[in-house]
PDB file of all heavy atoms in Angstrom:
ATOM      1  N   ALA A   1     -16.356  25.572  -7.098  1.00  0.00           N
ATOM      2  CA  ALA A   1     -16.463  25.118  -5.730  1.00  0.00           C
ATOM      3  C   ALA A   1     -17.054  23.712  -5.579  1.00  0.00           C
ATOM      4  O   ALA A   1     -16.728  23.020  -4.664  1.00  0.00           O
ATOM      5  CB  ALA A   1     -17.336  26.123  -4.962  1.00  0.00           C
ATOM      6  N   ALA A   2     -17.836  23.277  -6.588  1.00  0.00           N
ATOM      7  CA  ALA A   2     -18.406  22.001  -6.380  1.00  0.00           C
ATOM      8  C   ALA A   2     -17.363  20.897  -6.756  1.00  0.00           C
ATOM      9  O   ALA A   2     -17.464  19.795  -6.306  1.00  0.00           O
ATOM     10  CB  ALA A   2     -19.550  21.789  -7.339  1.00  0.00           C
ATOM     11  N   ALA A   3     -16.425  21.263  -7.639  1.00  0.00           N
ATOM     12  CA  ALA A   3     -15.422  20.195  -8.003  1.00  0.00           C
ATOM     13  C   ALA A   3     -14.655  19.642  -6.823  1.00  0.00           C
ATOM     14  O   ALA A   3     -14.498  18.376  -6.795  1.00  0.00           O
ATOM     15  CB  ALA A   3     -14.462  20.851  -9.036  1.00  0.00           C
ATOM     16  N   PRO A   4     -14.124  20.411  -5.906  1.00  0.00           N
ATOM     17  CA  PRO A   4     -13.379  19.792  -4.825  1.00  0.00           C
ATOM     18  C   PRO A   4     -14.365  18.816  -3.916  1.00  0.00           C
ATOM     19  O   PRO A   4     -13.877  17.739  -3.553  1.00  0.00           O
ATOM     20  CB  PRO A   4     -12.993  20.979  -3.955  1.00  0.00           C
ATOM     21  CG  PRO A   4     -12.854  22.097  -4.836  1.00  0.00           C
ATOM     22  CD  PRO A   4     -14.028  21.863  -5.841  1.00  0.00           C
ATOM     23  N   ARG A   5     -15.473  19.160  -3.712  1.00  0.00           N
ATOM     24  CA  ARG A   5     -16.487  18.304  -3.027  1.00  0.00           C
ATOM     25  C   ARG A   5     -16.728  17.024  -3.782  1.00  0.00           C
ATOM     26  O   ARG A   5     -16.666  15.875  -3.257  1.00  0.00           O
ATOM     27  CB  ARG A   5     -17.767  18.939  -2.643  1.00  0.00           C
ATOM     28  CG  ARG A   5     -18.744  18.100  -1.891  1.00  0.00           C
ATOM     29  CD  ARG A   5     -20.041  18.776  -1.566  1.00  0.00           C
ATOM     30  NE  ARG A   5     -20.791  18.003  -0.675  1.00  0.00           N
ATOM     31  CZ  ARG A   5     -21.635  16.992  -0.988  1.00  0.00           C
ATOM     32  NH1 ARG A   5     -21.723  16.649  -2.209  1.00  0.00           N
ATOM     33  NH2 ARG A   5     -22.248  16.357  -0.053  1.00  0.00           N
ATOM     34  N   ALA A   6     -16.917  17.149  -5.040  1.00  0.00           N
ATOM     35  CA  ALA A   6     -17.210  15.946  -5.939  1.00  0.00           C
ATOM     36  C   ALA A   6     -15.932  15.050  -5.962  1.00  0.00           C
ATOM     37  O   ALA A   6     -16.017  13.831  -5.948  1.00  0.00           O
ATOM     38  CB  ALA A   6     -17.594  16.322  -7.329  1.00  0.00           C
ATOM     39  N   GLU A   7     -14.838  15.785  -6.107  1.00  0.00           N
ATOM     40  CA  GLU A   7     -13.528  14.943  -6.099  1.00  0.00           C
ATOM     41  C   GLU A   7     -13.295  14.223  -4.741  1.00  0.00           C
ATOM     42  O   GLU A   7     -12.820  13.064  -4.808  1.00  0.00           O
ATOM     43  CB  GLU A   7     -12.337  15.924  -6.395  1.00  0.00           C
ATOM     44  CG  GLU A   7     -12.400  16.363  -7.874  1.00  0.00           C
ATOM     45  CD  GLU A   7     -11.386  17.457  -8.175  1.00  0.00           C
ATOM     46  OE1 GLU A   7     -10.544  17.722  -7.274  1.00  0.00           O
ATOM     47  OE2 GLU A   7     -11.444  18.030  -9.238  1.00  0.00           O
ATOM     48  N   ARG A   8     -13.590  14.903  -3.615  1.00  0.00           N
ATOM     49  CA  ARG A   8     -13.369  14.253  -2.332  1.00  0.00           C
ATOM     50  C   ARG A   8     -14.317  13.076  -2.224  1.00  0.00           C
ATOM     51  O   ARG A   8     -14.029  12.052  -1.691  1.00  0.00           O
ATOM     52  CB  ARG A   8     -13.675  15.306  -1.201  1.00  0.00           C
ATOM     53  CG  ARG A   8     -12.559  16.206  -1.007  1.00  0.00           C
ATOM     54  CD  ARG A   8     -12.653  16.906   0.365  1.00  0.00           C
ATOM     55  NE  ARG A   8     -13.963  17.602   0.561  1.00  0.00           N
ATOM     56  CZ  ARG A   8     -14.254  18.877   0.227  1.00  0.00           C
ATOM     57  NH1 ARG A   8     -13.290  19.535  -0.339  1.00  0.00           N
ATOM     58  NH2 ARG A   8     -15.434  19.428   0.468  1.00  0.00           N
ATOM     59  N   LEU A   9     -15.686  13.194  -2.647  1.00  0.00           N
ATOM     60  CA  LEU A   9     -16.588  12.083  -2.598  1.00  0.00           C
ATOM     61  C   LEU A   9     -16.038  10.916  -3.400  1.00  0.00           C
ATOM     62  O   LEU A   9     -16.083   9.778  -2.930  1.00  0.00           O
ATOM     63  CB  LEU A   9     -17.969  12.470  -3.097  1.00  0.00           C
ATOM     64  CG  LEU A   9     -18.846  13.246  -2.149  1.00  0.00           C
ATOM     65  CD1 LEU A   9     -20.116  13.627  -2.823  1.00  0.00           C
ATOM     66  CD2 LEU A   9     -19.236  12.404  -0.931  1.00  0.00           C
ATOM     67  N   LEU A  10     -15.585  11.254  -4.624  1.00  0.00           N
ATOM     68  CA  LEU A  10     -15.064  10.194  -5.433  1.00  0.00           C
ATOM     69  C   LEU A  10     -13.862   9.452  -4.893  1.00  0.00           C
ATOM     70  O   LEU A  10     -13.736   8.273  -4.808  1.00  0.00           O
ATOM     71  CB  LEU A  10     -14.731  10.735  -6.865  1.00  0.00           C
ATOM     72  CG  LEU A  10     -14.245   9.730  -7.925  1.00  0.00           C
ATOM     73  CD1 LEU A  10     -15.301   8.767  -8.247  1.00  0.00           C
ATOM     74  CD2 LEU A  10     -13.840  10.526  -9.190  1.00  0.00           C
ATOM     75  N   ALA A  11     -12.944  10.252  -4.299  1.00  0.00           N
ATOM     76  CA  ALA A  11     -11.669   9.705  -3.707  1.00  0.00           C
ATOM     77  C   ALA A  11     -12.075   8.874  -2.463  1.00  0.00           C
ATOM     78  O   ALA A  11     -11.604   7.712  -2.188  1.00  0.00           O
ATOM     79  CB  ALA A  11     -10.705  10.871  -3.335  1.00  0.00           C
ATOM     80  N   SER A  12     -12.977   9.460  -1.683  1.00  0.00           N
ATOM     81  CA  SER A  12     -13.418   8.672  -0.433  1.00  0.00           C
ATOM     82  C   SER A  12     -14.104   7.379  -0.830  1.00  0.00           C
ATOM     83  O   SER A  12     -13.892   6.354  -0.235  1.00  0.00           O
ATOM     84  CB  SER A  12     -14.462   9.533   0.293  1.00  0.00           C
ATOM     85  OG  SER A  12     -13.823  10.671   0.827  1.00  0.00           O
ATOM     86  N   GLY A  13     -14.910   7.423  -1.865  1.00  0.00           N
ATOM     87  CA  GLY A  13     -15.604   6.185  -2.389  1.00  0.00           C
ATOM     88  C   GLY A  13     -14.682   5.183  -2.826  1.00  0.00           C
ATOM     89  O   GLY A  13     -14.741   3.929  -2.511  1.00  0.00           O
ATOM     90  N   HIS A  14     -13.658   5.596  -3.637  1.00  0.00           N
ATOM     91  CA  HIS A  14     -12.585   4.623  -4.053  1.00  0.00           C
ATOM     92  C   HIS A  14     -11.885   4.020  -2.902  1.00  0.00           C
ATOM     93  O   HIS A  14     -11.619   2.794  -2.923  1.00  0.00           O
ATOM     94  CB  HIS A  14     -11.664   5.325  -5.065  1.00  0.00           C
ATOM     95  CG  HIS A  14     -12.250   5.520  -6.455  1.00  0.00           C
ATOM     96  ND1 HIS A  14     -12.684   4.496  -7.289  1.00  0.00           N
ATOM     97  CD2 HIS A  14     -12.503   6.635  -7.092  1.00  0.00           C
ATOM     98  CE1 HIS A  14     -13.107   4.978  -8.352  1.00  0.00           C
ATOM     99  NE2 HIS A  14     -13.146   6.329  -8.365  1.00  0.00           N
ATOM    100  N   TRP A  15     -11.490   4.793  -2.007  1.00  0.00           N
ATOM    101  CA  TRP A  15     -10.726   4.310  -0.824  1.00  0.00           C
ATOM    102  C   TRP A  15     -11.602   3.356   0.004  1.00  0.00           C
ATOM    103  O   TRP A  15     -11.071   2.287   0.348  1.00  0.00           O
ATOM    104  CB  TRP A  15     -10.251   5.535   0.018  1.00  0.00           C
ATOM    105  CG  TRP A  15      -9.379   5.058   1.185  1.00  0.00           C
ATOM    106  CD1 TRP A  15      -7.992   4.811   1.143  1.00  0.00           C
ATOM    107  CD2 TRP A  15      -9.790   4.996   2.527  1.00  0.00           C
ATOM    108  NE1 TRP A  15      -7.678   4.439   2.400  1.00  0.00           N
ATOM    109  CE2 TRP A  15      -8.627   4.560   3.298  1.00  0.00           C
ATOM    110  CE3 TRP A  15     -11.041   5.151   3.215  1.00  0.00           C
ATOM    111  CZ2 TRP A  15      -8.686   4.324   4.684  1.00  0.00           C
ATOM    112  CZ3 TRP A  15     -11.043   4.939   4.606  1.00  0.00           C
ATOM    113  CH2 TRP A  15      -9.885   4.504   5.271  1.00  0.00           C
ATOM    114  N   LEU A  16     -12.826   3.703   0.291  1.00  0.00           N
ATOM    115  CA  LEU A  16     -13.692   2.842   1.016  1.00  0.00           C
ATOM    116  C   LEU A  16     -13.870   1.478   0.219  1.00  0.00           C
ATOM    117  O   LEU A  16     -13.900   0.358   0.801  1.00  0.00           O
ATOM    118  CB  LEU A  16     -15.026   3.445   1.239  1.00  0.00           C
ATOM    119  CG  LEU A  16     -15.083   4.534   2.425  1.00  0.00           C
ATOM    120  CD1 LEU A  16     -16.337   5.246   2.390  1.00  0.00           C
ATOM    121  CD2 LEU A  16     -14.803   3.774   3.756  1.00  0.00           C
ATOM    122  N   LEU A  17     -14.028   1.600  -1.011  1.00  0.00           N
ATOM    123  CA  LEU A  17     -14.349   0.416  -1.917  1.00  0.00           C
ATOM    124  C   LEU A  17     -13.156  -0.585  -1.893  1.00  0.00           C
ATOM    125  O   LEU A  17     -13.306  -1.786  -2.053  1.00  0.00           O
ATOM    126  CB  LEU A  17     -14.690   0.789  -3.364  1.00  0.00           C
ATOM    127  CG  LEU A  17     -16.016   1.383  -3.536  1.00  0.00           C
ATOM    128  CD1 LEU A  17     -16.134   1.886  -5.008  1.00  0.00           C
ATOM    129  CD2 LEU A  17     -17.058   0.245  -3.358  1.00  0.00           C
ATOM    130  N   SER A  18     -12.004  -0.092  -1.600  1.00  0.00           N
ATOM    131  CA  SER A  18     -10.836  -0.858  -1.542  1.00  0.00           C
ATOM    132  C   SER A  18     -10.903  -1.908  -0.385  1.00  0.00           C
ATOM    133  O   SER A  18     -10.155  -2.903  -0.246  1.00  0.00           O
ATOM    134  CB  SER A  18      -9.552  -0.221  -1.568  1.00  0.00           C
ATOM    135  OG  SER A  18      -9.402   0.570  -0.501  1.00  0.00           O
ATOM    136  N   ALA A  19     -11.879  -1.717   0.574  1.00  0.00           N
ATOM    137  CA  ALA A  19     -12.123  -2.573   1.669  1.00  0.00           C
ATOM    138  C   ALA A  19     -13.271  -3.539   1.404  1.00  0.00           C
ATOM    139  O   ALA A  19     -13.637  -4.357   2.218  1.00  0.00           O
ATOM    140  CB  ALA A  19     -12.482  -1.813   2.941  1.00  0.00           C
ATOM    141  N   ALA A  20     -13.782  -3.562   0.186  1.00  0.00           N
ATOM    142  CA  ALA A  20     -14.903  -4.483  -0.201  1.00  0.00           C
ATOM    143  C   ALA A  20     -14.318  -5.834  -0.645  1.00  0.00           C
ATOM    144  O   ALA A  20     -13.273  -5.888  -1.304  1.00  0.00           O
ATOM    145  CB  ALA A  20     -15.693  -3.880  -1.387  1.00  0.00           C
ATOM    146  N   PRO A  21     -15.007  -6.835  -0.230  1.00  0.00           N
ATOM    147  CA  PRO A  21     -14.597  -8.194  -0.746  1.00  0.00           C
ATOM    148  C   PRO A  21     -14.674  -8.310  -2.234  1.00  0.00           C
ATOM    149  O   PRO A  21     -13.837  -8.965  -2.896  1.00  0.00           O
ATOM    150  CB  PRO A  21     -15.670  -9.190  -0.122  1.00  0.00           C
ATOM    151  CG  PRO A  21     -16.315  -8.394   1.026  1.00  0.00           C
ATOM    152  CD  PRO A  21     -16.148  -6.989   0.658  1.00  0.00           C
ATOM    153  N   SER A  22     -15.664  -7.593  -2.917  1.00  0.00           N
ATOM    154  CA  SER A  22     -15.766  -7.472  -4.311  1.00  0.00           C
ATOM    155  C   SER A  22     -16.167  -6.081  -4.633  1.00  0.00           C
ATOM    156  O   SER A  22     -17.154  -5.573  -4.384  1.00  0.00           O
ATOM    157  CB  SER A  22     -16.917  -8.481  -4.814  1.00  0.00           C
ATOM    158  OG  SER A  22     -17.244  -8.102  -6.136  1.00  0.00           O
ATOM    159  N   ILE A  23     -15.132  -5.368  -5.262  1.00  0.00           N
ATOM    160  CA  ILE A  23     -15.364  -3.940  -5.564  1.00  0.00           C
ATOM    161  C   ILE A  23     -16.588  -3.772  -6.539  1.00  0.00           C
ATOM    162  O   ILE A  23     -17.433  -2.931  -6.283  1.00  0.00           O
ATOM    163  CB  ILE A  23     -14.157  -3.280  -6.139  1.00  0.00           C
ATOM    164  CG1 ILE A  23     -13.138  -3.171  -4.925  1.00  0.00           C
ATOM    165  CG2 ILE A  23     -14.414  -1.913  -6.704  1.00  0.00           C
ATOM    166  CD1 ILE A  23     -11.739  -2.766  -5.369  1.00  0.00           C
ATOM    167  N   PRO A  24     -16.676  -4.524  -7.636  1.00  0.00           N
ATOM    168  CA  PRO A  24     -17.797  -4.336  -8.572  1.00  0.00           C
ATOM    169  C   PRO A  24     -19.151  -4.591  -7.815  1.00  0.00           C
ATOM    170  O   PRO A  24     -20.056  -3.871  -8.049  1.00  0.00           O
ATOM    171  CB  PRO A  24     -17.618  -5.356  -9.640  1.00  0.00           C
ATOM    172  CG  PRO A  24     -16.175  -5.587  -9.675  1.00  0.00           C
ATOM    173  CD  PRO A  24     -15.707  -5.506  -8.186  1.00  0.00           C
ATOM    174  N   GLN A  25     -19.268  -5.648  -6.882  1.00  0.00           N
ATOM    175  CA  GLN A  25     -20.444  -5.890  -6.216  1.00  0.00           C
ATOM    176  C   GLN A  25     -20.799  -4.664  -5.231  1.00  0.00           C
ATOM    177  O   GLN A  25     -21.914  -4.228  -5.173  1.00  0.00           O
ATOM    178  CB  GLN A  25     -20.385  -7.100  -5.466  1.00  0.00           C
ATOM    179  CG  GLN A  25     -21.633  -7.420  -4.686  1.00  0.00           C
ATOM    180  CD  GLN A  25     -21.605  -8.715  -3.832  1.00  0.00           C
ATOM    181  OE1 GLN A  25     -20.622  -9.597  -4.097  1.00  0.00           O
ATOM    182  NE2 GLN A  25     -22.441  -8.974  -2.993  1.00  0.00           N
ATOM    183  N   ALA A  26     -19.831  -4.153  -4.504  1.00  0.00           N
ATOM    184  CA  ALA A  26     -19.966  -3.011  -3.637  1.00  0.00           C
ATOM    185  C   ALA A  26     -20.437  -1.837  -4.412  1.00  0.00           C
ATOM    186  O   ALA A  26     -21.337  -1.078  -3.882  1.00  0.00           O
ATOM    187  CB  ALA A  26     -18.759  -2.796  -2.867  1.00  0.00           C
ATOM    188  N   GLN A  27     -19.924  -1.544  -5.579  1.00  0.00           N
ATOM    189  CA  GLN A  27     -20.302  -0.410  -6.371  1.00  0.00           C
ATOM    190  C   GLN A  27     -21.768  -0.573  -6.812  1.00  0.00           C
ATOM    191  O   GLN A  27     -22.542   0.410  -6.725  1.00  0.00           O
ATOM    192  CB  GLN A  27     -19.464  -0.324  -7.669  1.00  0.00           C
ATOM    193  CG  GLN A  27     -18.030   0.192  -7.386  1.00  0.00           C
ATOM    194  CD  GLN A  27     -17.183   0.223  -8.601  1.00  0.00           C
ATOM    195  OE1 GLN A  27     -17.111  -0.824  -9.322  1.00  0.00           O
ATOM    196  NE2 GLN A  27     -16.473   1.296  -8.806  1.00  0.00           N
ATOM    197  N   ARG A  28     -22.139  -1.775  -7.129  1.00  0.00           N
ATOM    198  CA  ARG A  28     -23.606  -1.992  -7.512  1.00  0.00           C
ATOM    199  C   ARG A  28     -24.535  -1.821  -6.299  1.00  0.00           C
ATOM    200  O   ARG A  28     -25.567  -1.158  -6.438  1.00  0.00           O
ATOM    201  CB  ARG A  28     -23.742  -3.391  -8.106  1.00  0.00           C
ATOM    202  CG  ARG A  28     -23.271  -3.597  -9.545  1.00  0.00           C
ATOM    203  CD  ARG A  28     -23.737  -4.925 -10.141  1.00  0.00           C
ATOM    204  NE  ARG A  28     -23.242  -6.120  -9.359  1.00  0.00           N
ATOM    205  CZ  ARG A  28     -22.117  -6.777  -9.494  1.00  0.00           C
ATOM    206  NH1 ARG A  28     -21.267  -6.169 -10.302  1.00  0.00           N
ATOM    207  NH2 ARG A  28     -21.724  -7.743  -8.661  1.00  0.00           N
ATOM    208  N   GLU A  29     -24.101  -2.311  -5.107  1.00  0.00           N
ATOM    209  CA  GLU A  29     -24.842  -2.196  -3.939  1.00  0.00           C
ATOM    210  C   GLU A  29     -25.014  -0.594  -3.598  1.00  0.00           C
ATOM    211  O   GLU A  29     -26.114  -0.230  -3.224  1.00  0.00           O
ATOM    212  CB  GLU A  29     -24.234  -2.893  -2.832  1.00  0.00           C
ATOM    213  CG  GLU A  29     -24.341  -4.500  -2.913  1.00  0.00           C
ATOM    214  CD  GLU A  29     -23.571  -5.219  -1.834  1.00  0.00           C
ATOM    215  OE1 GLU A  29     -22.816  -4.571  -1.097  1.00  0.00           O
ATOM    216  OE2 GLU A  29     -23.606  -6.426  -1.822  1.00  0.00           O
ATOM    217  N   TRP A  30     -23.917   0.104  -3.670  1.00  0.00           N
ATOM    218  CA  TRP A  30     -24.083   1.481  -3.341  1.00  0.00           C
ATOM    219  C   TRP A  30     -25.019   2.169  -4.335  1.00  0.00           C
ATOM    220  O   TRP A  30     -25.814   3.079  -3.965  1.00  0.00           O
ATOM    221  CB  TRP A  30     -22.677   2.201  -3.400  1.00  0.00           C
ATOM    222  CG  TRP A  30     -21.950   2.165  -2.076  1.00  0.00           C
ATOM    223  CD1 TRP A  30     -22.477   1.788  -0.905  1.00  0.00           C
ATOM    224  CD2 TRP A  30     -20.652   2.593  -1.911  1.00  0.00           C
ATOM    225  NE1 TRP A  30     -21.519   1.866   0.072  1.00  0.00           N
ATOM    226  CE2 TRP A  30     -20.350   2.393  -0.541  1.00  0.00           C
ATOM    227  CE3 TRP A  30     -19.652   3.065  -2.738  1.00  0.00           C
ATOM    228  CZ2 TRP A  30     -19.146   2.718   0.050  1.00  0.00           C
ATOM    229  CZ3 TRP A  30     -18.401   3.454  -2.121  1.00  0.00           C
ATOM    230  CH2 TRP A  30     -18.170   3.211  -0.759  1.00  0.00           C
ATOM    231  N   ALA A  31     -24.925   1.799  -5.602  1.00  0.00           N
ATOM    232  CA  ALA A  31     -25.725   2.485  -6.641  1.00  0.00           C
ATOM    233  C   ALA A  31     -27.220   2.070  -6.516  1.00  0.00           C
ATOM    234  O   ALA A  31     -28.110   2.940  -6.718  1.00  0.00           O
ATOM    235  CB  ALA A  31     -25.216   2.124  -8.091  1.00  0.00           C
ATOM    236  N   THR A  32     -27.428   0.871  -6.148  1.00  0.00           N
ATOM    237  CA  THR A  32     -28.804   0.349  -5.996  1.00  0.00           C
ATOM    238  C   THR A  32     -29.507   0.616  -4.645  1.00  0.00           C
ATOM    239  O   THR A  32     -30.577   1.102  -4.573  1.00  0.00           O
ATOM    240  CB  THR A  32     -28.845  -1.167  -6.210  1.00  0.00           C
ATOM    241  OG1 THR A  32     -28.244  -1.444  -7.561  1.00  0.00           O
ATOM    242  CG2 THR A  32     -30.271  -1.713  -6.226  1.00  0.00           C
TER     243      THR A  32
END
């Protein structure tokens, strides 16, 4: 049951990140 939620979060994150001016920078900002 946790896999679909985790997969949705991952997919949502990737999709949102595609709107970032710099994907690596946005990933670091989210993580930090």
